[in-house]
Protein backbone atom coordinates (compact mmCIF):
# COMPACT_ATOMS: atom_id res chain seq x y z
CA UNK A 1 0.00 0.00 0.00
CA UNK A 2 2.83 2.39 0.86
CA UNK A 3 4.48 1.68 -2.49
CA UNK A 4 1.26 2.34 -4.40
CA UNK A 5 0.77 5.62 -2.54
CA UNK A 6 4.28 6.75 -3.39
CA UNK A 7 3.76 5.78 -7.02
CA UNK A 8 0.61 7.93 -7.05
CA UNK A 9 2.59 10.82 -5.55
CA UNK A 10 5.26 10.51 -8.25
CA UNK A 11 2.61 10.60 -10.99
CA UNK A 12 0.93 13.63 -9.41
CA UNK A 13 4.01 15.87 -9.55
CA UNK A 14 3.20 19.11 -11.31
CA UNK A 15 -0.50 19.10 -10.38
CA UNK A 16 -0.61 20.76 -6.93
CA UNK A 17 -4.08 19.56 -6.01
CA UNK A 18 -3.38 15.99 -7.05
CA UNK A 19 0.01 16.16 -5.33
CA UNK A 20 -1.64 17.34 -2.09
CA UNK A 21 -4.12 14.46 -2.19
CA UNK A 22 -1.36 11.95 -2.94
CA UNK A 23 0.83 13.32 -0.12
CA UNK A 24 -2.09 12.92 2.25
CA UNK A 25 -2.48 9.34 1.06
CA UNK A 26 1.22 8.62 1.69
CA UNK A 27 0.92 10.12 5.16
CA UNK A 28 -2.08 7.97 6.00
CA UNK A 29 -0.50 4.65 5.01
CA UNK A 30 2.47 4.36 7.38
CA UNK A 31 1.80 6.91 10.09
CA UNK A 32 4.51 5.56 12.41
CA UNK A 33 7.24 6.48 9.91
CA UNK A 34 8.91 9.88 9.83
CA UNK A 35 8.36 10.01 6.06
CA UNK A 36 4.62 9.80 6.69
CA UNK A 37 4.73 12.86 8.96
CA UNK A 38 6.75 14.75 6.33
CA UNK A 39 4.18 13.81 3.67
CA UNK A 40 1.29 15.05 5.83
CA UNK A 41 3.05 18.34 6.46
CA UNK A 42 3.72 18.67 2.72
CA UNK A 43 0.02 18.07 2.03
CA UNK A 44 -0.89 20.74 4.59
CA UNK A 45 1.43 23.25 2.93
CA UNK A 46 -0.02 22.51 -0.51
CA UNK A 47 -3.64 22.78 0.63
CA UNK A 48 -2.88 26.08 2.36
CA UNK A 49 -1.34 27.38 -0.86
CA UNK A 50 -4.44 26.29 -2.79
CA UNK A 51 -6.78 27.94 -0.27
CA UNK A 52 -8.59 24.60 0.15
CA UNK A 53 -10.01 24.83 3.70
CA UNK A 54 -11.44 21.30 3.73
CA UNK A 55 -8.16 19.82 2.54
CA UNK A 56 -6.27 21.92 5.04
CA UNK A 57 -8.44 20.63 7.92
CA UNK A 58 -7.97 17.02 6.79
CA UNK A 59 -4.21 17.55 6.52
CA UNK A 60 -4.00 19.03 10.02
CA UNK A 61 -5.78 15.97 11.37
CA UNK A 62 -3.39 13.70 9.45
CA UNK A 63 -0.43 15.61 10.88
CA UNK A 64 -1.85 15.11 14.39
CA UNK A 65 -2.25 11.36 13.90
CA UNK A 66 1.25 11.07 12.44
CA UNK A 67 2.73 12.86 15.47
CA UNK A 68 0.87 10.53 17.84
CA UNK A 69 1.97 7.45 15.90
CA UNK A 70 5.70 8.16 16.01
CA UNK A 71 7.56 5.27 17.60
CA UNK A 72 9.34 7.34 20.25
CA UNK A 73 5.94 8.39 21.70
CA UNK A 74 7.32 11.82 22.57
CA UNK A 75 5.26 13.98 20.23
CA UNK A 76 1.96 14.09 22.11
CA UNK A 77 2.12 17.87 22.56
CA UNK A 78 2.58 18.47 18.84
CA UNK A 79 -0.15 15.97 18.06
CA UNK A 80 -2.55 17.64 20.48
CA UNK A 81 -1.86 21.09 19.05
CA UNK A 82 -2.46 19.88 15.47
CA UNK A 83 -5.64 18.02 16.50
CA UNK A 84 -7.01 21.17 18.14
CA UNK A 85 -6.22 23.17 15.00
CA UNK A 86 -8.06 20.54 12.93
CA UNK A 87 -11.02 20.66 15.32
CA UNK A 88 -11.28 24.44 14.96
CA UNK A 89 -11.02 24.13 11.17
CA UNK A 90 -13.78 21.51 10.95
CA UNK A 91 -16.00 23.62 13.21
CA UNK A 92 -15.52 26.54 10.85
CA UNK A 93 -16.54 24.33 7.93
CA UNK A 94 -19.58 22.96 9.80
CA UNK A 95 -18.37 19.38 9.32
CA UNK A 96 -19.78 17.24 12.13
CA UNK A 97 -17.94 14.13 10.98
CA UNK A 98 -14.68 16.09 10.86
CA UNK A 99 -15.30 17.45 14.37
CA UNK A 100 -15.96 13.93 15.66
CA UNK A 101 -12.73 12.59 14.15
CA UNK A 102 -10.72 15.54 15.48
CA UNK A 103 -12.19 15.17 18.97
CA UNK A 104 -11.27 11.48 18.98
CA UNK A 105 -7.70 12.43 18.06
CA UNK A 106 -7.66 15.06 20.82
CA UNK A 107 -8.73 12.33 23.27
CA UNK A 108 -5.96 10.03 22.00
CA UNK A 109 -3.40 12.81 22.48
CA UNK A 110 -4.52 13.44 26.06
CA UNK A 111 -4.29 9.69 26.78
CA UNK A 112 -0.72 9.69 25.48
CA UNK A 113 0.01 12.68 27.75
CA UNK A 114 -1.53 10.84 30.73
CA UNK A 115 -4.30 13.42 31.23
CA UNK A 116 -7.32 11.20 31.84
CA UNK A 117 -9.95 13.83 32.69
CA UNK A 118 -9.31 15.82 29.51
CA UNK A 119 -9.22 12.60 27.46
CA UNK A 120 -12.58 11.49 28.82
CA UNK A 121 -14.14 14.89 28.17
CA UNK A 122 -13.03 14.95 24.51
CA UNK A 123 -13.89 11.28 24.06
CA UNK A 124 -17.43 11.65 25.34
CA UNK A 125 -18.05 14.61 23.04
CA UNK A 126 -16.69 12.62 20.09
CA UNK A 127 -18.86 9.63 21.03
CA UNK A 128 -21.94 11.85 21.07
CA UNK A 129 -21.15 13.09 17.55
CA UNK A 130 -20.49 9.59 16.20
CA UNK A 131 -23.79 8.34 17.64
CA UNK A 132 -25.59 11.28 16.09
CA UNK A 133 -23.97 10.43 12.74
CA UNK A 134 -24.71 6.69 13.22
CA UNK A 135 -21.05 5.96 12.59
CA UNK A 136 -20.56 2.55 14.24
CA UNK A 137 -16.84 2.40 13.47
CA UNK A 138 -16.19 5.81 15.01
CA UNK A 139 -18.37 4.90 17.97
CA UNK A 140 -16.43 1.68 18.61
CA UNK A 141 -13.08 3.45 18.32
CA UNK A 142 -14.09 6.22 20.72
CA UNK A 143 -15.47 3.70 23.21
CA UNK A 144 -12.05 2.01 23.23
CA UNK A 145 -10.42 5.41 23.87
CA UNK A 146 -12.70 5.99 26.86
CA UNK A 147 -11.66 2.63 28.28
CA UNK A 148 -8.01 3.61 27.85
CA UNK A 149 -8.72 6.91 29.64
CA UNK A 150 -10.05 4.98 32.64
CA UNK A 151 -6.89 2.87 32.73
CA UNK A 152 -4.80 6.05 32.72
CA UNK A 153 -6.93 7.52 35.51
CA UNK A 154 -6.37 4.46 37.69
CA UNK A 155 -2.58 4.83 37.54
CA UNK A 156 -0.95 6.60 40.50
CA UNK A 157 0.13 10.12 39.59
CA UNK A 158 2.51 11.90 41.97
CA UNK A 159 1.86 15.45 43.05
CA UNK A 160 3.96 18.01 41.20
CA UNK A 161 4.55 21.75 41.09
CA UNK A 162 5.37 24.20 38.32
CA UNK A 163 6.45 27.78 38.98
CA UNK A 164 5.57 30.85 36.92
CA UNK A 165 8.25 33.32 37.92
CA UNK A 166 6.76 36.10 35.78
CA UNK A 167 3.45 35.99 37.69
CA UNK A 168 4.68 34.76 41.11
CA UNK A 169 2.22 31.85 40.89
CA UNK A 170 2.83 28.17 41.64
CA UNK A 171 0.70 25.53 39.88
CA UNK A 172 0.34 22.37 41.97
CA UNK A 173 -1.07 19.14 40.52
CA UNK A 174 -2.75 16.73 42.97
CA UNK A 175 -4.92 13.66 42.47
CA UNK A 176 -6.36 10.65 44.29
CA UNK A 177 -3.16 8.76 43.59
CA UNK A 178 -0.76 11.41 44.91
CA UNK A 179 1.58 9.75 47.39
CA UNK A 180 2.59 11.22 50.71
CA UNK A 181 6.20 11.45 49.53
CA UNK A 182 5.26 13.46 46.43
CA UNK A 183 3.02 15.79 48.47
CA UNK A 184 5.84 16.41 50.94
CA UNK A 185 8.18 17.07 48.03
CA UNK A 186 5.81 19.70 46.66
CA UNK A 187 5.58 21.45 50.04
CA UNK A 188 9.38 21.52 50.32
CA UNK A 189 9.68 23.07 46.86
CA UNK A 190 7.05 25.68 47.71
CA UNK A 191 8.77 26.56 50.99
CA UNK A 192 12.15 27.06 49.34
CA UNK A 193 10.74 29.13 46.48
CA UNK A 194 11.05 32.91 46.79
CA UNK A 195 8.58 35.58 45.76
CA UNK A 196 5.44 33.43 45.60
CA UNK A 197 2.15 35.31 45.91
CA UNK A 198 -0.49 32.71 45.07
CA UNK A 199 -1.00 28.97 44.54
CA UNK A 200 -3.26 27.32 41.97
CA UNK A 201 -4.23 23.84 43.15
CA UNK A 202 -5.24 21.69 40.18
CA UNK A 203 -7.36 18.95 41.76
CA UNK A 204 -7.66 15.99 39.41
CA UNK A 205 -10.27 13.63 40.76
CA UNK A 206 -10.55 10.07 39.48
CA UNK A 207 -12.68 9.42 36.39
CA UNK A 208 -13.14 5.77 37.41
CA UNK A 209 -15.47 5.20 40.41
CA UNK A 210 -13.42 2.13 41.35
CA UNK A 211 -10.30 4.21 42.02
CA UNK A 212 -9.73 4.42 45.79
CA UNK A 213 -9.15 7.88 47.32
CA UNK A 214 -5.76 8.76 48.73
CA UNK A 215 -4.62 8.85 52.35
CA UNK A 216 -6.37 11.33 54.63
CA UNK A 217 -3.24 11.58 56.78
CA UNK A 218 -1.06 12.54 53.80
CA UNK A 219 -3.60 15.11 52.63
CA UNK A 220 -3.85 16.55 56.14
CA UNK A 221 -0.07 16.95 56.32
CA UNK A 222 -0.16 18.69 52.94
CA UNK A 223 -2.73 21.18 54.25
CA UNK A 224 -0.51 21.92 57.25
CA UNK A 225 2.32 22.59 54.82
CA UNK A 226 0.13 25.08 52.93
CA UNK A 227 -0.72 26.79 56.23
CA UNK A 228 2.99 27.37 56.83
CA UNK A 229 3.18 29.22 53.51
CA UNK A 230 0.20 31.46 54.31
CA UNK A 231 -0.68 32.14 50.67
CA UNK A 232 -4.07 32.40 48.93
CA UNK A 233 -5.06 29.20 47.08
CA UNK A 234 -7.27 28.93 43.99
CA UNK A 235 -8.63 25.50 43.06
CA UNK A 236 -9.46 24.07 39.66
CA UNK A 237 -11.57 20.95 40.20
CA UNK A 238 -11.99 18.18 37.61
CA UNK A 239 -13.15 14.58 37.78
CA UNK A 240 -14.70 12.73 40.70
CA UNK A 241 -14.25 14.18 44.20
CA UNK A 242 -14.73 11.75 47.08
CA UNK A 243 -13.28 10.88 50.47
CA UNK A 244 -10.10 12.75 51.45
CA UNK A 245 -10.10 14.62 48.11
CA UNK A 246 -12.69 16.88 49.74
CA UNK A 247 -9.87 18.26 51.91
CA UNK A 248 -8.29 19.93 48.88
CA UNK A 249 -11.57 21.44 47.72
CA UNK A 250 -12.92 22.79 51.00
CA UNK A 251 -9.83 24.66 52.16
CA UNK A 252 -9.19 26.88 49.12
CA UNK A 253 -10.05 30.57 48.84
CA UNK A 254 -11.69 30.34 45.43
CA UNK A 255 -12.98 27.17 43.76
CA UNK A 256 -13.65 26.69 40.05
CA UNK A 257 -15.02 23.36 38.80
CA UNK A 258 -15.58 21.74 35.43
CA UNK A 259 -19.23 21.07 34.63
CA UNK A 260 -18.31 17.40 34.19
CA UNK A 261 -17.11 17.11 37.81
CA UNK A 262 -18.95 14.87 40.26
CA UNK A 263 -18.92 15.24 44.03
CA UNK A 264 -19.60 12.21 46.22
CA UNK A 265 -21.37 12.92 49.52
CA UNK A 266 -21.14 12.93 52.47
CA UNK A 267 -18.42 15.50 52.97
CA UNK A 268 -15.17 14.05 54.27
CA UNK A 269 -13.49 15.38 57.38
CA UNK A 270 -14.29 16.58 60.87
CA UNK A 271 -17.98 17.60 60.83
CA UNK A 272 -17.50 20.39 63.38
CA UNK A 273 -15.23 22.24 60.94
CA UNK A 274 -17.68 22.23 58.02
CA UNK A 275 -19.71 25.07 59.47
CA UNK A 276 -16.77 27.45 59.04
CA UNK A 277 -16.19 26.20 55.50
CA UNK A 278 -19.71 26.23 54.05
CA UNK A 279 -22.12 27.61 56.62
CA UNK A 280 -24.43 25.68 58.95
CA UNK A 281 -27.30 24.74 56.61
CA UNK A 282 -25.20 23.63 53.64
CA UNK A 283 -22.71 21.68 55.75
CA UNK A 284 -25.49 19.79 57.56
CA UNK A 285 -27.23 19.00 54.28
CA UNK A 286 -24.09 17.71 52.57
CA UNK A 287 -22.89 15.76 55.62
CA UNK A 288 -26.27 13.99 55.78
CA UNK A 289 -26.48 13.34 52.02
CA UNK A 290 -25.10 10.25 50.32
CA UNK A 291 -24.23 9.58 46.69
CA UNK A 292 -23.12 11.75 43.78
CA UNK A 293 -23.96 15.41 43.31
CA UNK A 294 -23.33 17.26 40.06
CA UNK A 295 -21.39 20.48 39.70
CA UNK A 296 -24.52 22.64 39.39
CA UNK A 297 -25.71 21.50 42.83
CA UNK A 298 -22.28 22.36 44.21
CA UNK A 299 -22.47 25.81 42.64
CA UNK A 300 -25.92 26.44 44.14
CA UNK A 301 -24.66 25.24 47.52
CA UNK A 302 -21.62 27.53 47.45
CA UNK A 303 -19.13 24.65 47.47
CA UNK A 304 -17.72 26.00 44.20
CA UNK A 305 -17.82 29.60 43.08
CA UNK A 306 -17.65 29.21 39.31
CA UNK A 307 -18.21 26.56 36.63
CA UNK A 308 -16.39 26.13 33.33
CA UNK A 309 -17.26 23.85 30.41
CA UNK A 310 -14.27 21.53 30.52
CA UNK A 311 -10.97 20.75 32.19
CA UNK A 312 -8.90 23.06 29.98
CA UNK A 313 -11.23 26.04 30.53
CA UNK A 314 -11.34 25.30 34.27
CA UNK A 315 -7.56 25.33 34.57
CA UNK A 316 -7.32 28.54 32.53
CA UNK A 317 -9.98 30.29 34.63
CA UNK A 318 -8.19 29.31 37.85
CA UNK A 319 -4.90 30.67 36.52
CA UNK A 320 -6.58 33.95 35.53
CA UNK A 321 -8.18 34.28 38.97
CA UNK A 322 -4.77 33.75 40.57
CA UNK A 323 -3.33 36.54 38.41
CA UNK A 324 -6.14 38.86 39.58
CA UNK A 325 -5.37 38.02 43.20
CA UNK A 326 -1.66 38.70 42.69
CA UNK A 327 -2.41 42.03 40.99
CA UNK A 328 -4.86 43.15 43.72
CA UNK A 329 -3.20 43.36 47.16
CA UNK A 330 -6.42 44.73 48.66
CA UNK A 331 -8.33 41.49 48.10
CA UNK A 332 -9.39 39.83 51.35
CA UNK A 333 -7.65 36.55 50.54
CA UNK A 334 -4.33 38.38 50.12
CA UNK A 335 -4.63 39.83 53.60
CA UNK A 336 -6.05 36.70 55.27
CA UNK A 337 -5.85 33.51 53.19
CA UNK A 338 -8.51 30.98 54.14
CA UNK A 339 -5.88 28.30 54.76
CA UNK A 340 -4.87 30.29 57.89
CA UNK A 341 -8.37 29.90 59.34
CA UNK A 342 -8.27 28.10 62.69
CA UNK A 343 -10.87 25.63 61.42
CA UNK A 344 -8.48 24.53 58.65
CA UNK A 345 -5.83 23.65 61.24
CA UNK A 346 -8.39 21.73 63.28
CA UNK A 347 -9.61 19.96 60.15
CA UNK A 348 -6.09 19.05 59.02
CA UNK A 349 -5.04 17.80 62.47
CA UNK A 350 -8.15 15.60 62.68
CA UNK A 351 -7.24 14.13 59.26
CA UNK A 352 -3.65 13.48 60.38
CA UNK A 353 -4.77 11.80 63.59
CA UNK A 354 -7.73 10.01 62.00
CA UNK A 355 -10.08 11.46 64.63
CA UNK A 356 -13.60 12.79 64.14
CA UNK A 357 -13.50 12.11 60.40
CA UNK A 358 -16.71 11.19 58.54
């Protein structure tokens, strides 16, 4: 097949449109080869020169798939960027089938990057499109991607931190699988960093209900570490929040959640502290409730302050809120971060000691 495609490319030389189509064909035959990626990029260049928007969108998607298929497996970022460009192009053309294919590729890229929540979000949207189009092949492929996303979500992911020196903001990644050692490592890095003004806590809840929550003791120690820093904390919340993961959500100054997030009641932690976190009526209601609650209920209850469509938008909104806090010294959370509240210390100590925890 690869030989036939290259023969077609050789015959098409001189006819730019035919050459673009043949280059795309070469790129689609052996996507794991570097030559295939080069052919897809050549097709993209030709279609752009021709002003063929449909061809350009198809070529961008082919480039994305070629990046993701490279044997070294280190081109997920390039693949994701190309897939998002293809998605935007297909949206502009009004091509539902193109959007579905691009969304599936976006999901595949996120899986390769190990970002399960984003992969599931893109995969579910692609699955909805394929079902609408009655495309059984696309539906089966996307279903397999969603299963892969759940496998990725079940893998332990250590806590990590990334510093933005230009904005004086630290971005901390935590999840159900974050180990005590990785959480302690993050606190040590935060304590030795100079000039920090705000922390964005990216809370990545499990997408698989079978994934067990992390250790309450480890999460309590992490909260005590944040108290020592005395900085305002903004949360971006994605995935499924249950058990000790509530500790991360409840103790932040400002909480932004993805609409796809799910919160499992009852609240976790020392019940006497909830009143300071959420008010008497809401805390009693959520401590007495059992089962999942959607993000809209959490917004109405005041557990979260803002909702965003997906994981990417949620993370961006949290980062923007942190920049506002840094730029506005008069904000209440700059003067008295919520993590310094006495109830947070009591809550964290109860988690560490395993006492009075729901």
